[in-house]
Amino acid sequence: MECPHLSSSVCIAPDSAKFPNGSPSSWCCSVCRSNKSPWVCLTCSSVHCGRIWGT
């Protein structure tokens, strides 16, 4: 999967105040609202799913 926020240097230090609440199984994609294979962008904390970037 590729996130549009990735660059040559990735900083893995998410802002805990913006990080989604709950366990990953409760997260929903911000685009399609699916809860299948959720992941969070470590730059902007948006939740997406494998369907969005895998197509």
C-alpha atoms as a PDB file:
ATOM      1  CA  MET A   1       0.000   0.000   0.000  1.00  0.00           C
ATOM      2  CA  GLU A   2       1.188   3.487  -0.732  1.00  0.00           C
ATOM      3  CA  CYS A   3       0.134   6.594   1.183  1.00  0.00           C
ATOM      4  CA  PRO A   4       0.355  10.003  -0.540  1.00  0.00           C
ATOM      5  CA  HIS A   5       2.138  11.380   2.533  1.00  0.00           C
ATOM      6  CA  LEU A   6       5.137   9.042   2.249  1.00  0.00           C
ATOM      7  CA  SER A   7       8.408  10.567   1.180  1.00  0.00           C
ATOM      8  CA  SER A   8      12.052   9.552   1.236  1.00  0.00           C
ATOM      9  CA  SER A   9      12.148  10.054   5.007  1.00  0.00           C
ATOM     10  CA  VAL A  10       9.260   8.796   7.111  1.00  0.00           C
ATOM     11  CA  CYS A  11       8.906   9.846  10.715  1.00  0.00           C
ATOM     12  CA  ILE A  12       6.948   7.343  12.789  1.00  0.00           C
ATOM     13  CA  ALA A  13       5.831   9.661  15.569  1.00  0.00           C
ATOM     14  CA  PRO A  14       2.049  10.054  15.330  1.00  0.00           C
ATOM     15  CA  ASP A  15       0.339  12.762  17.335  1.00  0.00           C
ATOM     16  CA  SER A  16      -1.501  10.752  19.976  1.00  0.00           C
ATOM     17  CA  ALA A  17      -4.160  13.472  20.290  1.00  0.00           C
ATOM     18  CA  LYS A  18      -5.136  12.966  16.621  1.00  0.00           C
ATOM     19  CA  PHE A  19      -4.671   9.187  16.547  1.00  0.00           C
ATOM     20  CA  PRO A  20      -7.972   7.257  16.128  1.00  0.00           C
ATOM     21  CA  ASN A  21      -9.627   6.031  19.317  1.00  0.00           C
ATOM     22  CA  GLY A  22     -10.338   2.383  20.001  1.00  0.00           C
ATOM     23  CA  SER A  23      -8.759  -0.719  18.612  1.00  0.00           C
ATOM     24  CA  PRO A  24      -7.921  -0.998  14.888  1.00  0.00           C
ATOM     25  CA  SER A  25     -10.844  -3.410  14.439  1.00  0.00           C
ATOM     26  CA  SER A  26     -13.214  -0.530  15.289  1.00  0.00           C
ATOM     27  CA  TRP A  27     -11.696   1.931  12.771  1.00  0.00           C
ATOM     28  CA  CYS A  28     -13.574   2.764   9.542  1.00  0.00           C
ATOM     29  CA  CYS A  29     -12.048   4.000   6.302  1.00  0.00           C
ATOM     30  CA  SER A  30     -12.517   7.765   5.888  1.00  0.00           C
ATOM     31  CA  VAL A  31     -13.287   7.259   2.173  1.00  0.00           C
ATOM     32  CA  CYS A  32     -15.549   4.200   1.897  1.00  0.00           C
ATOM     33  CA  ARG A  33     -16.422   3.625   5.605  1.00  0.00           C
ATOM     34  CA  SER A  34     -15.269  -0.022   5.373  1.00  0.00           C
ATOM     35  CA  ASN A  35     -13.805  -1.611   8.494  1.00  0.00           C
ATOM     36  CA  LYS A  36     -11.916  -4.264   6.481  1.00  0.00           C
ATOM     37  CA  SER A  37      -8.104  -4.050   6.818  1.00  0.00           C
ATOM     38  CA  PRO A  38      -7.945  -0.560   8.365  1.00  0.00           C
ATOM     39  CA  TRP A  39      -4.670   1.344   8.554  1.00  0.00           C
ATOM     40  CA  VAL A  40      -3.832   4.848   9.753  1.00  0.00           C
ATOM     41  CA  CYS A  41      -1.601   7.408   8.039  1.00  0.00           C
ATOM     42  CA  LEU A  42       1.200   8.299  10.454  1.00  0.00           C
ATOM     43  CA  THR A  43       1.327  11.851   9.069  1.00  0.00           C
ATOM     44  CA  CYS A  44      -2.297  12.993   9.153  1.00  0.00           C
ATOM     45  CA  SER A  45      -3.907  10.176  11.237  1.00  0.00           C
ATOM     46  CA  SER A  46      -6.604   9.515   8.612  1.00  0.00           C
ATOM     47  CA  VAL A  47      -7.905   5.959   8.574  1.00  0.00           C
ATOM     48  CA  HIS A  48      -8.010   4.167   5.216  1.00  0.00           C
ATOM     49  CA  CYS A  49      -8.463   0.576   4.091  1.00  0.00           C
ATOM     50  CA  GLY A  50      -6.655  -1.779   1.749  1.00  0.00           C
ATOM     51  CA  ARG A  51      -9.440  -1.421  -0.827  1.00  0.00           C
ATOM     52  CA  ILE A  52      -8.658   2.243  -1.490  1.00  0.00           C
ATOM     53  CA  TRP A  53      -4.937   1.970  -2.209  1.00  0.00           C
ATOM     54  CA  GLY A  54      -4.955  -1.585  -3.522  1.00  0.00           C
ATOM     55  CA  THR A  55      -7.004  -0.799  -6.634  1.00  0.00           C
END
